Amino acid sequence: GKKDGYGELTLKNAVAGKDNVIVGYWKKDQYIGIYEF
């Protein structure tokens, strides 16, 4: 049930009018970085 492994998170930014995208690895819903190790 939690974000775990490789994924892409698109964050809506209504103020800037442009979405922010975070790509990389997650562990138990926590973003750990572009690389898994």
Full PDB file with SEQRES, HELIX, SHEET, SSBOND, CRYST1, ORIGX, SCALE, CONECT and MASTER records, all heavy atoms in Angstrom:
SEQRES   1 A   37  GLY LYS LYS ASP GLY TYR GLY GLU LEU THR LEU LYS ASN          
SEQRES   2 A   37  ALA VAL ALA GLY LYS ASP ASN VAL ILE VAL GLY TYR TRP          
SEQRES   3 A   37  LYS LYS ASP GLN TYR ILE GLY ILE TYR GLU PHE                  
SHEET    1 AA1 3 GLY A   5  LEU A  11  0                                        
SHEET    2 AA1 3 ASN A  20  LYS A  27 -1                                        
SHEET    3 AA1 3 GLN A  30  GLY A  33 -1                                        
CRYST1    1.000    1.000    1.000  90.00  90.00  90.00 P 1           1          
ORIGX1      1.000000  0.000000  0.000000        0.00000                         
ORIGX2      0.000000  1.000000  0.000000        0.00000                         
ORIGX3      0.000000  0.000000  1.000000        0.00000                         
SCALE1      1.000000  0.000000  0.000000        0.00000                         
SCALE2      0.000000  1.000000  0.000000        0.00000                         
SCALE3      0.000000  0.000000  1.000000        0.00000                         
ATOM      1  N   GLY A   1       0.776  -1.229   0.000  1.00  0.00           N  
ATOM      2  CA  GLY A   1       0.000   0.000   0.000  1.00  0.00           C  
ATOM      3  C   GLY A   1       0.809   1.282   0.000  1.00  0.00           C  
ATOM      4  O   GLY A   1       0.230   2.369  -0.002  1.00  0.00           O  
ATOM      5  N   LYS A   2       2.129   1.191  -0.018  1.00  0.00           N  
ATOM      6  CA  LYS A   2       2.982   2.384   0.020  1.00  0.00           C  
ATOM      7  C   LYS A   2       3.852   2.464  -1.225  1.00  0.00           C  
ATOM      8  O   LYS A   2       4.174   1.442  -1.846  1.00  0.00           O  
ATOM      9  CB  LYS A   2       3.874   2.361   1.274  1.00  0.00           C  
ATOM     10  CG  LYS A   2       3.102   2.400   2.591  1.00  0.00           C  
ATOM     11  CD  LYS A   2       4.052   2.415   3.769  1.00  0.00           C  
ATOM     12  CE  LYS A   2       3.302   2.410   5.086  1.00  0.00           C  
ATOM     13  NZ  LYS A   2       2.511   3.648   5.268  1.00  0.00           N  
ATOM     14  N   LYS A   3       4.227   3.694  -1.561  1.00  0.00           N  
ATOM     15  CA  LYS A   3       5.158   3.883  -2.674  1.00  0.00           C  
ATOM     16  C   LYS A   3       6.490   3.227  -2.305  1.00  0.00           C  
ATOM     17  O   LYS A   3       7.085   3.552  -1.285  1.00  0.00           O  
ATOM     18  CB  LYS A   3       5.354   5.377  -2.959  1.00  0.00           C  
ATOM     19  CG  LYS A   3       4.092   6.079  -3.449  1.00  0.00           C  
ATOM     20  CD  LYS A   3       4.355   7.500  -3.871  1.00  0.00           C  
ATOM     21  CE  LYS A   3       4.579   8.427  -2.697  1.00  0.00           C  
ATOM     22  NZ  LYS A   3       3.366   8.646  -1.906  1.00  0.00           N  
ATOM     23  N   ASP A   4       6.924   2.289  -3.147  1.00  0.00           N  
ATOM     24  CA  ASP A   4       8.138   1.533  -2.818  1.00  0.00           C  
ATOM     25  C   ASP A   4       8.763   1.018  -4.108  1.00  0.00           C  
ATOM     26  O   ASP A   4       8.200   0.174  -4.791  1.00  0.00           O  
ATOM     27  CB  ASP A   4       7.796   0.363  -1.895  1.00  0.00           C  
ATOM     28  CG  ASP A   4       8.999  -0.121  -1.103  1.00  0.00           C  
ATOM     29  OD1 ASP A   4       9.969  -0.557  -1.726  1.00  0.00           O  
ATOM     30  OD2 ASP A   4       8.959  -0.044   0.145  1.00  0.00           O  
ATOM     31  N   GLY A   5       9.929   1.550  -4.438  1.00  0.00           N  
ATOM     32  CA  GLY A   5      10.577   1.195  -5.696  1.00  0.00           C  
ATOM     33  C   GLY A   5      10.654   2.395  -6.613  1.00  0.00           C  
ATOM     34  O   GLY A   5      10.537   3.546  -6.180  1.00  0.00           O  
ATOM     35  N   TYR A   6      10.810   2.122  -7.896  1.00  0.00           N  
ATOM     36  CA  TYR A   6      10.974   3.215  -8.861  1.00  0.00           C  
ATOM     37  C   TYR A   6       9.621   3.798  -9.248  1.00  0.00           C  
ATOM     38  O   TYR A   6       8.643   3.068  -9.434  1.00  0.00           O  
ATOM     39  CB  TYR A   6      11.684   2.705 -10.122  1.00  0.00           C  
ATOM     40  CG  TYR A   6      11.964   3.792 -11.127  1.00  0.00           C  
ATOM     41  CD1 TYR A   6      13.066   4.632 -10.973  1.00  0.00           C  
ATOM     42  CD2 TYR A   6      11.122   3.992 -12.213  1.00  0.00           C  
ATOM     43  CE1 TYR A   6      13.316   5.645 -11.887  1.00  0.00           C  
ATOM     44  CE2 TYR A   6      11.370   4.998 -13.133  1.00  0.00           C  
ATOM     45  CZ  TYR A   6      12.470   5.824 -12.963  1.00  0.00           C  
ATOM     46  OH  TYR A   6      12.717   6.825 -13.865  1.00  0.00           O  
ATOM     47  N   GLY A   7       9.583   5.135  -9.368  1.00  0.00           N  
ATOM     48  CA  GLY A   7       8.341   5.777  -9.775  1.00  0.00           C  
ATOM     49  C   GLY A   7       8.536   7.228 -10.168  1.00  0.00           C  
ATOM     50  O   GLY A   7       9.621   7.802  -9.998  1.00  0.00           O  
ATOM     51  N   GLU A   8       7.442   7.811 -10.660  1.00  0.00           N  
ATOM     52  CA  GLU A   8       7.439   9.213 -11.097  1.00  0.00           C  
ATOM     53  C   GLU A   8       6.270   9.927 -10.428  1.00  0.00           C  
ATOM     54  O   GLU A   8       5.122   9.518 -10.577  1.00  0.00           O  
ATOM     55  CB  GLU A   8       7.319   9.278 -12.618  1.00  0.00           C  
ATOM     56  CG  GLU A   8       7.315  10.683 -13.187  1.00  0.00           C  
ATOM     57  CD  GLU A   8       7.238  10.691 -14.700  1.00  0.00           C  
ATOM     58  OE1 GLU A   8       8.198  10.220 -15.350  1.00  0.00           O  
ATOM     59  OE2 GLU A   8       6.198  11.152 -15.237  1.00  0.00           O  
ATOM     60  N   LEU A   9       6.576  10.990  -9.695  1.00  0.00           N  
ATOM     61  CA  LEU A   9       5.551  11.755  -8.987  1.00  0.00           C  
ATOM     62  C   LEU A   9       5.383  13.122  -9.651  1.00  0.00           C  
ATOM     63  O   LEU A   9       6.342  13.896  -9.739  1.00  0.00           O  
ATOM     64  CB  LEU A   9       5.937  11.943  -7.521  1.00  0.00           C  
ATOM     65  CG  LEU A   9       4.987  12.782  -6.664  1.00  0.00           C  
ATOM     66  CD1 LEU A   9       3.610  12.135  -6.582  1.00  0.00           C  
ATOM     67  CD2 LEU A   9       5.558  12.986  -5.260  1.00  0.00           C  
ATOM     68  N   THR A  10       4.185  13.384 -10.121  1.00  0.00           N  
ATOM     69  CA  THR A  10       3.870  14.680 -10.736  1.00  0.00           C  
ATOM     70  C   THR A  10       3.100  15.521  -9.729  1.00  0.00           C  
ATOM     71  O   THR A  10       1.995  15.156  -9.318  1.00  0.00           O  
ATOM     72  CB  THR A  10       3.038  14.491 -12.011  1.00  0.00           C  
ATOM     73  OG1 THR A  10       3.761  13.656 -12.932  1.00  0.00           O  
ATOM     74  CG2 THR A  10       2.764  15.834 -12.669  1.00  0.00           C  
ATOM     75  N   LEU A  11       3.685  16.635  -9.323  1.00  0.00           N  
ATOM     76  CA  LEU A  11       3.085  17.526  -8.325  1.00  0.00           C  
ATOM     77  C   LEU A  11       2.425  18.700  -9.022  1.00  0.00           C  
ATOM     78  O   LEU A  11       3.062  19.423  -9.805  1.00  0.00           O  
ATOM     79  CB  LEU A  11       4.153  18.033  -7.358  1.00  0.00           C  
ATOM     80  CG  LEU A  11       4.879  16.967  -6.523  1.00  0.00           C  
ATOM     81  CD1 LEU A  11       6.040  17.587  -5.765  1.00  0.00           C  
ATOM     82  CD2 LEU A  11       3.911  16.313  -5.546  1.00  0.00           C  
ATOM     83  N   LYS A  12       1.150  18.879  -8.743  1.00  0.00           N  
ATOM     84  CA  LYS A  12       0.418  19.991  -9.329  1.00  0.00           C  
ATOM     85  C   LYS A  12       0.839  21.311  -8.682  1.00  0.00           C  
ATOM     86  O   LYS A  12       0.953  21.400  -7.466  1.00  0.00           O  
ATOM     87  CB  LYS A  12      -1.095  19.796  -9.132  1.00  0.00           C  
ATOM     88  CG  LYS A  12      -1.663  18.618  -9.902  1.00  0.00           C  
ATOM     89  CD  LYS A  12      -1.615  18.854 -11.396  1.00  0.00           C  
ATOM     90  CE  LYS A  12      -2.222  17.689 -12.167  1.00  0.00           C  
ATOM     91  NZ  LYS A  12      -2.145  17.901 -13.630  1.00  0.00           N  
ATOM     92  N   ASN A  13       1.083  22.299  -9.511  1.00  0.00           N  
ATOM     93  CA  ASN A  13       1.479  23.610  -9.012  1.00  0.00           C  
ATOM     94  C   ASN A  13       0.583  24.649  -9.672  1.00  0.00           C  
ATOM     95  O   ASN A  13       0.882  25.167 -10.748  1.00  0.00           O  
ATOM     96  CB  ASN A  13       2.952  23.887  -9.316  1.00  0.00           C  
ATOM     97  CG  ASN A  13       3.472  25.109  -8.578  1.00  0.00           C  
ATOM     98  OD1 ASN A  13       2.726  26.028  -8.271  1.00  0.00           O  
ATOM     99  ND2 ASN A  13       4.764  25.123  -8.307  1.00  0.00           N  
ATOM    100  N   ALA A  14      -0.547  24.944  -9.009  1.00  0.00           N  
ATOM    101  CA  ALA A  14      -1.536  25.863  -9.583  1.00  0.00           C  
ATOM    102  C   ALA A  14      -1.006  27.292  -9.649  1.00  0.00           C  
ATOM    103  O   ALA A  14      -1.362  28.056 -10.540  1.00  0.00           O  
ATOM    104  CB  ALA A  14      -2.818  25.812  -8.763  1.00  0.00           C  
ATOM    105  N   VAL A  15      -0.149  27.660  -8.710  1.00  0.00           N  
ATOM    106  CA  VAL A  15       0.374  29.027  -8.667  1.00  0.00           C  
ATOM    107  C   VAL A  15       1.315  29.286  -9.833  1.00  0.00           C  
ATOM    108  O   VAL A  15       1.192  30.270 -10.565  1.00  0.00           O  
ATOM    109  CB  VAL A  15       1.108  29.281  -7.331  1.00  0.00           C  
ATOM    110  CG1 VAL A  15       1.712  30.682  -7.326  1.00  0.00           C  
ATOM    111  CG2 VAL A  15       0.146  29.110  -6.166  1.00  0.00           C  
ATOM    112  N   ALA A  16       2.271  28.379 -10.041  1.00  0.00           N  
ATOM    113  CA  ALA A  16       3.247  28.554 -11.118  1.00  0.00           C  
ATOM    114  C   ALA A  16       2.664  28.187 -12.475  1.00  0.00           C  
ATOM    115  O   ALA A  16       3.174  28.603 -13.511  1.00  0.00           O  
ATOM    116  CB  ALA A  16       4.480  27.701 -10.844  1.00  0.00           C  
ATOM    117  N   GLY A  17       1.601  27.381 -12.454  1.00  0.00           N  
ATOM    118  CA  GLY A  17       0.992  26.975 -13.712  1.00  0.00           C  
ATOM    119  C   GLY A  17       1.763  25.902 -14.436  1.00  0.00           C  
ATOM    120  O   GLY A  17       1.527  25.631 -15.615  1.00  0.00           O  
ATOM    121  N   LYS A  18       2.708  25.273 -13.749  1.00  0.00           N  
ATOM    122  CA  LYS A  18       3.515  24.219 -14.359  1.00  0.00           C  
ATOM    123  C   LYS A  18       3.758  23.133 -13.333  1.00  0.00           C  
ATOM    124  O   LYS A  18       4.118  23.405 -12.192  1.00  0.00           O  
ATOM    125  CB  LYS A  18       4.853  24.793 -14.851  1.00  0.00           C  
ATOM    126  CG  LYS A  18       5.717  23.787 -15.582  1.00  0.00           C  
ATOM    127  CD  LYS A  18       7.006  24.443 -16.070  1.00  0.00           C  
ATOM    128  CE  LYS A  18       7.876  23.429 -16.804  1.00  0.00           C  
ATOM    129  NZ  LYS A  18       9.158  24.045 -17.263  1.00  0.00           N  
ATOM    130  N   ASP A  19       3.546  21.886 -13.730  1.00  0.00           N  
ATOM    131  CA  ASP A  19       3.731  20.767 -12.815  1.00  0.00           C  
ATOM    132  C   ASP A  19       5.208  20.514 -12.536  1.00  0.00           C  
ATOM    133  O   ASP A  19       6.073  20.759 -13.386  1.00  0.00           O  
ATOM    134  CB  ASP A  19       3.115  19.491 -13.399  1.00  0.00           C  
ATOM    135  CG  ASP A  19       1.603  19.610 -13.555  1.00  0.00           C  
ATOM    136  OD1 ASP A  19       1.030  20.528 -12.951  1.00  0.00           O  
ATOM    137  OD2 ASP A  19       1.020  18.793 -14.282  1.00  0.00           O  
ATOM    138  N   ASN A  20       5.493  20.025 -11.325  1.00  0.00           N  
ATOM    139  CA  ASN A  20       6.838  19.586 -10.972  1.00  0.00           C  
ATOM    140  C   ASN A  20       6.873  18.064 -10.989  1.00  0.00           C  
ATOM    141  O   ASN A  20       5.956  17.411 -10.490  1.00  0.00           O  
ATOM    142  CB  ASN A  20       7.226  20.095  -9.579  1.00  0.00           C  
ATOM    143  CG  ASN A  20       7.279  21.604  -9.519  1.00  0.00           C  
ATOM    144  OD1 ASN A  20       7.798  22.240 -10.426  1.00  0.00           O  
ATOM    145  ND2 ASN A  20       6.731  22.186  -8.462  1.00  0.00           N  
ATOM    146  N   VAL A  21       7.939  17.501 -11.550  1.00  0.00           N  
ATOM    147  CA  VAL A  21       8.047  16.050 -11.671  1.00  0.00           C  
ATOM    148  C   VAL A  21       9.263  15.554 -10.896  1.00  0.00           C  
ATOM    149  O   VAL A  21      10.371  16.080 -11.070  1.00  0.00           O  
ATOM    150  CB  VAL A  21       8.152  15.608 -13.149  1.00  0.00           C  
ATOM    151  CG1 VAL A  21       8.272  14.085 -13.243  1.00  0.00           C  
ATOM    152  CG2 VAL A  21       6.934  16.083 -13.934  1.00  0.00           C  
ATOM    153  N   ILE A  22       9.047  14.574 -10.015  1.00  0.00           N  
ATOM    154  CA  ILE A  22      10.121  13.946  -9.242  1.00  0.00           C  
ATOM    155  C   ILE A  22      10.257  12.499  -9.703  1.00  0.00           C  
ATOM    156  O   ILE A  22       9.288  11.735  -9.645  1.00  0.00           O  
ATOM    157  CB  ILE A  22       9.835  13.991  -7.735  1.00  0.00           C  
ATOM    158  CG1 ILE A  22       9.675  15.442  -7.263  1.00  0.00           C  
ATOM    159  CG2 ILE A  22      10.936  13.302  -6.943  1.00  0.00           C  
ATOM    160  CD1 ILE A  22       9.223  15.574  -5.820  1.00  0.00           C  
ATOM    161  N   VAL A  23      11.434  12.139 -10.155  1.00  0.00           N  
ATOM    162  CA  VAL A  23      11.683  10.788 -10.654  1.00  0.00           C  
ATOM    163  C   VAL A  23      12.743  10.123  -9.791  1.00  0.00           C  
ATOM    164  O   VAL A  23      13.746  10.749  -9.431  1.00  0.00           O  
ATOM    165  CB  VAL A  23      12.154  10.827 -12.127  1.00  0.00           C  
ATOM    166  CG1 VAL A  23      12.483   9.424 -12.620  1.00  0.00           C  
ATOM    167  CG2 VAL A  23      11.086  11.448 -13.006  1.00  0.00           C  
ATOM    168  N   GLY A  24      12.524   8.866  -9.438  1.00  0.00           N  
ATOM    169  CA  GLY A  24      13.529   8.154  -8.654  1.00  0.00           C  
ATOM    170  C   GLY A  24      12.933   7.013  -7.868  1.00  0.00           C  
ATOM    171  O   GLY A  24      11.956   6.392  -8.296  1.00  0.00           O  
ATOM    172  N   TYR A  25      13.505   6.776  -6.689  1.00  0.00           N  
ATOM    173  CA  TYR A  25      13.130   5.619  -5.880  1.00  0.00           C  
ATOM    174  C   TYR A  25      12.483   6.049  -4.561  1.00  0.00           C  
ATOM    175  O   TYR A  25      12.888   7.045  -3.949  1.00  0.00           O  
ATOM    176  CB  TYR A  25      14.359   4.757  -5.602  1.00  0.00           C  
ATOM    177  CG  TYR A  25      14.820   3.997  -6.829  1.00  0.00           C  
ATOM    178  CD1 TYR A  25      15.675   4.585  -7.750  1.00  0.00           C  
ATOM    179  CD2 TYR A  25      14.384   2.700  -7.078  1.00  0.00           C  
ATOM    180  CE1 TYR A  25      16.089   3.900  -8.892  1.00  0.00           C  
ATOM    181  CE2 TYR A  25      14.790   2.005  -8.205  1.00  0.00           C  
ATOM    182  CZ  TYR A  25      15.637   2.606  -9.103  1.00  0.00           C  
ATOM    183  OH  TYR A  25      16.042   1.931 -10.229  1.00  0.00           O  
ATOM    184  N   TRP A  26      11.508   5.261  -4.152  1.00  0.00           N  
ATOM    185  CA  TRP A  26      10.798   5.461  -2.886  1.00  0.00           C  
ATOM    186  C   TRP A  26      10.970   4.240  -1.992  1.00  0.00           C  
ATOM    187  O   TRP A  26      11.184   3.123  -2.471  1.00  0.00           O  
ATOM    188  CB  TRP A  26       9.303   5.668  -3.133  1.00  0.00           C  
ATOM    189  CG  TRP A  26       8.886   7.073  -3.398  1.00  0.00           C  
ATOM    190  CD1 TRP A  26       8.299   7.943  -2.528  1.00  0.00           C  
ATOM    191  CD2 TRP A  26       8.997   7.807  -4.622  1.00  0.00           C  
ATOM    192  NE1 TRP A  26       8.050   9.151  -3.128  1.00  0.00           N  
ATOM    193  CE2 TRP A  26       8.470   9.094  -4.417  1.00  0.00           C  
ATOM    194  CE3 TRP A  26       9.526   7.499  -5.884  1.00  0.00           C  
ATOM    195  CZ2 TRP A  26       8.428  10.066  -5.407  1.00  0.00           C  
ATOM    196  CZ3 TRP A  26       9.495   8.454  -6.870  1.00  0.00           C  
ATOM    197  CH2 TRP A  26       8.949   9.730  -6.627  1.00  0.00           C  
ATOM    198  N   LYS A  27      10.913   4.469  -0.676  1.00  0.00           N  
ATOM    199  CA  LYS A  27      10.934   3.394   0.300  1.00  0.00           C  
ATOM    200  C   LYS A  27       9.925   3.721   1.393  1.00  0.00           C  
ATOM    201  O   LYS A  27      10.073   4.724   2.099  1.00  0.00           O  
ATOM    202  CB  LYS A  27      12.336   3.238   0.921  1.00  0.00           C  
ATOM    203  CG  LYS A  27      12.485   1.991   1.772  1.00  0.00           C  
ATOM    204  CD  LYS A  27      12.505   0.731   0.932  1.00  0.00           C  
ATOM    205  CE  LYS A  27      12.791  -0.499   1.779  1.00  0.00           C  
ATOM    206  NZ  LYS A  27      12.724  -1.748   0.977  1.00  0.00           N  
ATOM    207  N   LYS A  28       8.874   2.897   1.507  1.00  0.00           N  
ATOM    208  CA  LYS A  28       7.807   3.107   2.498  1.00  0.00           C  
ATOM    209  C   LYS A  28       7.265   4.534   2.439  1.00  0.00           C  
ATOM    210  O   LYS A  28       7.166   5.230   3.436  1.00  0.00           O  
ATOM    211  CB  LYS A  28       8.310   2.774   3.901  1.00  0.00           C  
ATOM    212  CG  LYS A  28       8.667   1.302   4.089  1.00  0.00           C  
ATOM    213  CD  LYS A  28       9.116   1.016   5.506  1.00  0.00           C  
ATOM    214  CE  LYS A  28       9.438  -0.468   5.670  1.00  0.00           C  
ATOM    215  NZ  LYS A  28       9.901  -0.785   7.051  1.00  0.00           N  
ATOM    216  N   ASP A  29       6.939   4.973   1.236  1.00  0.00           N  
ATOM    217  CA  ASP A  29       6.347   6.292   0.957  1.00  0.00           C  
ATOM    218  C   ASP A  29       7.338   7.446   1.037  1.00  0.00           C  
ATOM    219  O   ASP A  29       6.957   8.599   0.819  1.00  0.00           O  
ATOM    220  CB  ASP A  29       5.162   6.588   1.896  1.00  0.00           C  
ATOM    221  CG  ASP A  29       3.827   6.178   1.287  1.00  0.00           C  
ATOM    222  OD1 ASP A  29       3.788   5.877   0.084  1.00  0.00           O  
ATOM    223  OD2 ASP A  29       2.823   6.161   2.012  1.00  0.00           O  
ATOM    224  N   GLN A  30       8.597   7.173   1.348  1.00  0.00           N  
ATOM    225  CA  GLN A  30       9.603   8.236   1.452  1.00  0.00           C  
ATOM    226  C   GLN A  30      10.500   8.242   0.216  1.00  0.00           C  
ATOM    227  O   GLN A  30      10.998   7.185  -0.194  1.00  0.00           O  
ATOM    228  CB  GLN A  30      10.461   8.051   2.712  1.00  0.00           C  
ATOM    229  CG  GLN A  30       9.675   8.105   4.007  1.00  0.00           C  
ATOM    230  CD  GLN A  30       8.997   9.445   4.228  1.00  0.00           C  
ATOM    231  OE1 GLN A  30       9.577  10.501   4.048  1.00  0.00           O  
ATOM    232  NE2 GLN A  30       7.729   9.390   4.635  1.00  0.00           N  
ATOM    233  N   TYR A  31      10.697   9.418  -0.362  1.00  0.00           N  
ATOM    234  CA  TYR A  31      11.586   9.542  -1.525  1.00  0.00           C  
ATOM    235  C   TYR A  31      13.040   9.426  -1.065  1.00  0.00           C  
ATOM    236  O   TYR A  31      13.466  10.133  -0.149  1.00  0.00           O  
ATOM    237  CB  TYR A  31      11.362  10.888  -2.208  1.00  0.00           C  
ATOM    238  CG  TYR A  31      12.221  11.110  -3.430  1.00  0.00           C  
ATOM    239  CD1 TYR A  31      12.012  10.371  -4.588  1.00  0.00           C  
ATOM    240  CD2 TYR A  31      13.229  12.064  -3.417  1.00  0.00           C  
ATOM    241  CE1 TYR A  31      12.798  10.574  -5.710  1.00  0.00           C  
ATOM    242  CE2 TYR A  31      14.010  12.280  -4.536  1.00  0.00           C  
ATOM    243  CZ  TYR A  31      13.795  11.528  -5.690  1.00  0.00           C  
ATOM    244  OH  TYR A  31      14.585  11.731  -6.796  1.00  0.00           O  
ATOM    245  N   ILE A  32      13.803   8.516  -1.682  1.00  0.00           N  
ATOM    246  CA  ILE A  32      15.196   8.317  -1.267  1.00  0.00           C  
ATOM    247  C   ILE A  32      16.210   8.856  -2.266  1.00  0.00           C  
ATOM    248  O   ILE A  32      17.380   9.016  -1.929  1.00  0.00           O  
ATOM    249  CB  ILE A  32      15.501   6.831  -0.976  1.00  0.00           C  
ATOM    250  CG1 ILE A  32      15.262   5.961  -2.209  1.00  0.00           C  
ATOM    251  CG2 ILE A  32      14.669   6.341   0.187  1.00  0.00           C  
ATOM    252  CD1 ILE A  32      15.636   4.493  -2.014  1.00  0.00           C  
ATOM    253  N   GLY A  33      15.789   9.149  -3.505  1.00  0.00           N  
ATOM    254  CA  GLY A  33      16.719   9.751  -4.443  1.00  0.00           C  
ATOM    255  C   GLY A  33      16.583   9.198  -5.849  1.00  0.00           C  
ATOM    256  O   GLY A  33      15.770   8.314  -6.137  1.00  0.00           O  
ATOM    257  N   ILE A  34      17.403   9.739  -6.735  1.00  0.00           N  
ATOM    258  CA  ILE A  34      17.377   9.309  -8.137  1.00  0.00           C  
ATOM    259  C   ILE A  34      17.803   7.855  -8.268  1.00  0.00           C  
ATOM    260  O   ILE A  34      17.316   7.122  -9.128  1.00  0.00           O  
ATOM    261  CB  ILE A  34      18.298  10.212  -8.987  1.00  0.00           C  
ATOM    262  CG1 ILE A  34      17.807  11.663  -8.938  1.00  0.00           C  
ATOM    263  CG2 ILE A  34      18.355   9.730 -10.424  1.00  0.00           C  
ATOM    264  CD1 ILE A  34      18.714  12.623  -9.660  1.00  0.00           C  
ATOM    265  N   TYR A  35      18.716   7.432  -7.386  1.00  0.00           N  
ATOM    266  CA  TYR A  35      19.224   6.065  -7.445  1.00  0.00           C  
ATOM    267  C   TYR A  35      18.750   5.272  -6.227  1.00  0.00           C  
ATOM    268  O   TYR A  35      18.608   5.820  -5.135  1.00  0.00           O  
ATOM    269  CB  TYR A  35      20.756   6.063  -7.503  1.00  0.00           C  
ATOM    270  CG  TYR A  35      21.297   6.846  -8.680  1.00  0.00           C  
ATOM    271  CD1 TYR A  35      21.765   8.156  -8.509  1.00  0.00           C  
ATOM    272  CD2 TYR A  35      21.336   6.293  -9.953  1.00  0.00           C  
ATOM    273  CE1 TYR A  35      22.254   8.880  -9.593  1.00  0.00           C  
ATOM    274  CE2 TYR A  35      21.820   7.017 -11.033  1.00  0.00           C  
ATOM    275  CZ  TYR A  35      22.281   8.299 -10.855  1.00  0.00           C  
ATOM    276  OH  TYR A  35      22.755   9.024 -11.915  1.00  0.00           O  
ATOM    277  N   GLU A  36      18.565   3.968  -6.442  1.00  0.00           N  
ATOM    278  CA  GLU A  36      18.120   3.118  -5.343  1.00  0.00           C  
ATOM    279  C   GLU A  36      19.241   2.919  -4.326  1.00  0.00           C  
ATOM    280  O   GLU A  36      19.004   2.871  -3.116  1.00  0.00           O  
ATOM    281  CB  GLU A  36      17.658   1.771  -5.885  1.00  0.00           C  
ATOM    282  CG  GLU A  36      17.045   0.865  -4.844  1.00  0.00           C  
ATOM    283  CD  GLU A  36      16.453  -0.396  -5.442  1.00  0.00           C  
ATOM    284  OE1 GLU A  36      16.732  -0.681  -6.635  1.00  0.00           O  
ATOM    285  OE2 GLU A  36      15.717  -1.093  -4.730  1.00  0.00           O  
ATOM    286  N   PHE A  37      20.487   2.809  -4.822  1.00  0.00           N  
ATOM    287  CA  PHE A  37      21.647   2.611  -3.956  1.00  0.00           C  
ATOM    288  C   PHE A  37      22.741   3.597  -4.361  1.00  0.00           C  
ATOM    289  O   PHE A  37      22.856   3.947  -5.544  1.00  0.00           O  
ATOM    290  CB  PHE A  37      22.189   1.183  -4.077  1.00  0.00           C  
ATOM    291  CG  PHE A  37      21.157   0.117  -3.801  1.00  0.00           C  
ATOM    292  CD1 PHE A  37      20.614  -0.615  -4.835  1.00  0.00           C  
ATOM    293  CD2 PHE A  37      20.716  -0.125  -2.509  1.00  0.00           C  
ATOM    294  CE1 PHE A  37      19.655  -1.588  -4.590  1.00  0.00           C  
ATOM    295  CE2 PHE A  37      19.764  -1.090  -2.249  1.00  0.00           C  
ATOM    296  CZ  PHE A  37      19.226  -1.822  -3.288  1.00  0.00           C  
TER     297      PHE A  37                                                      
MASTER        0    0    0    0    3    0    0    6  296    1    0    3          
END                                                                             
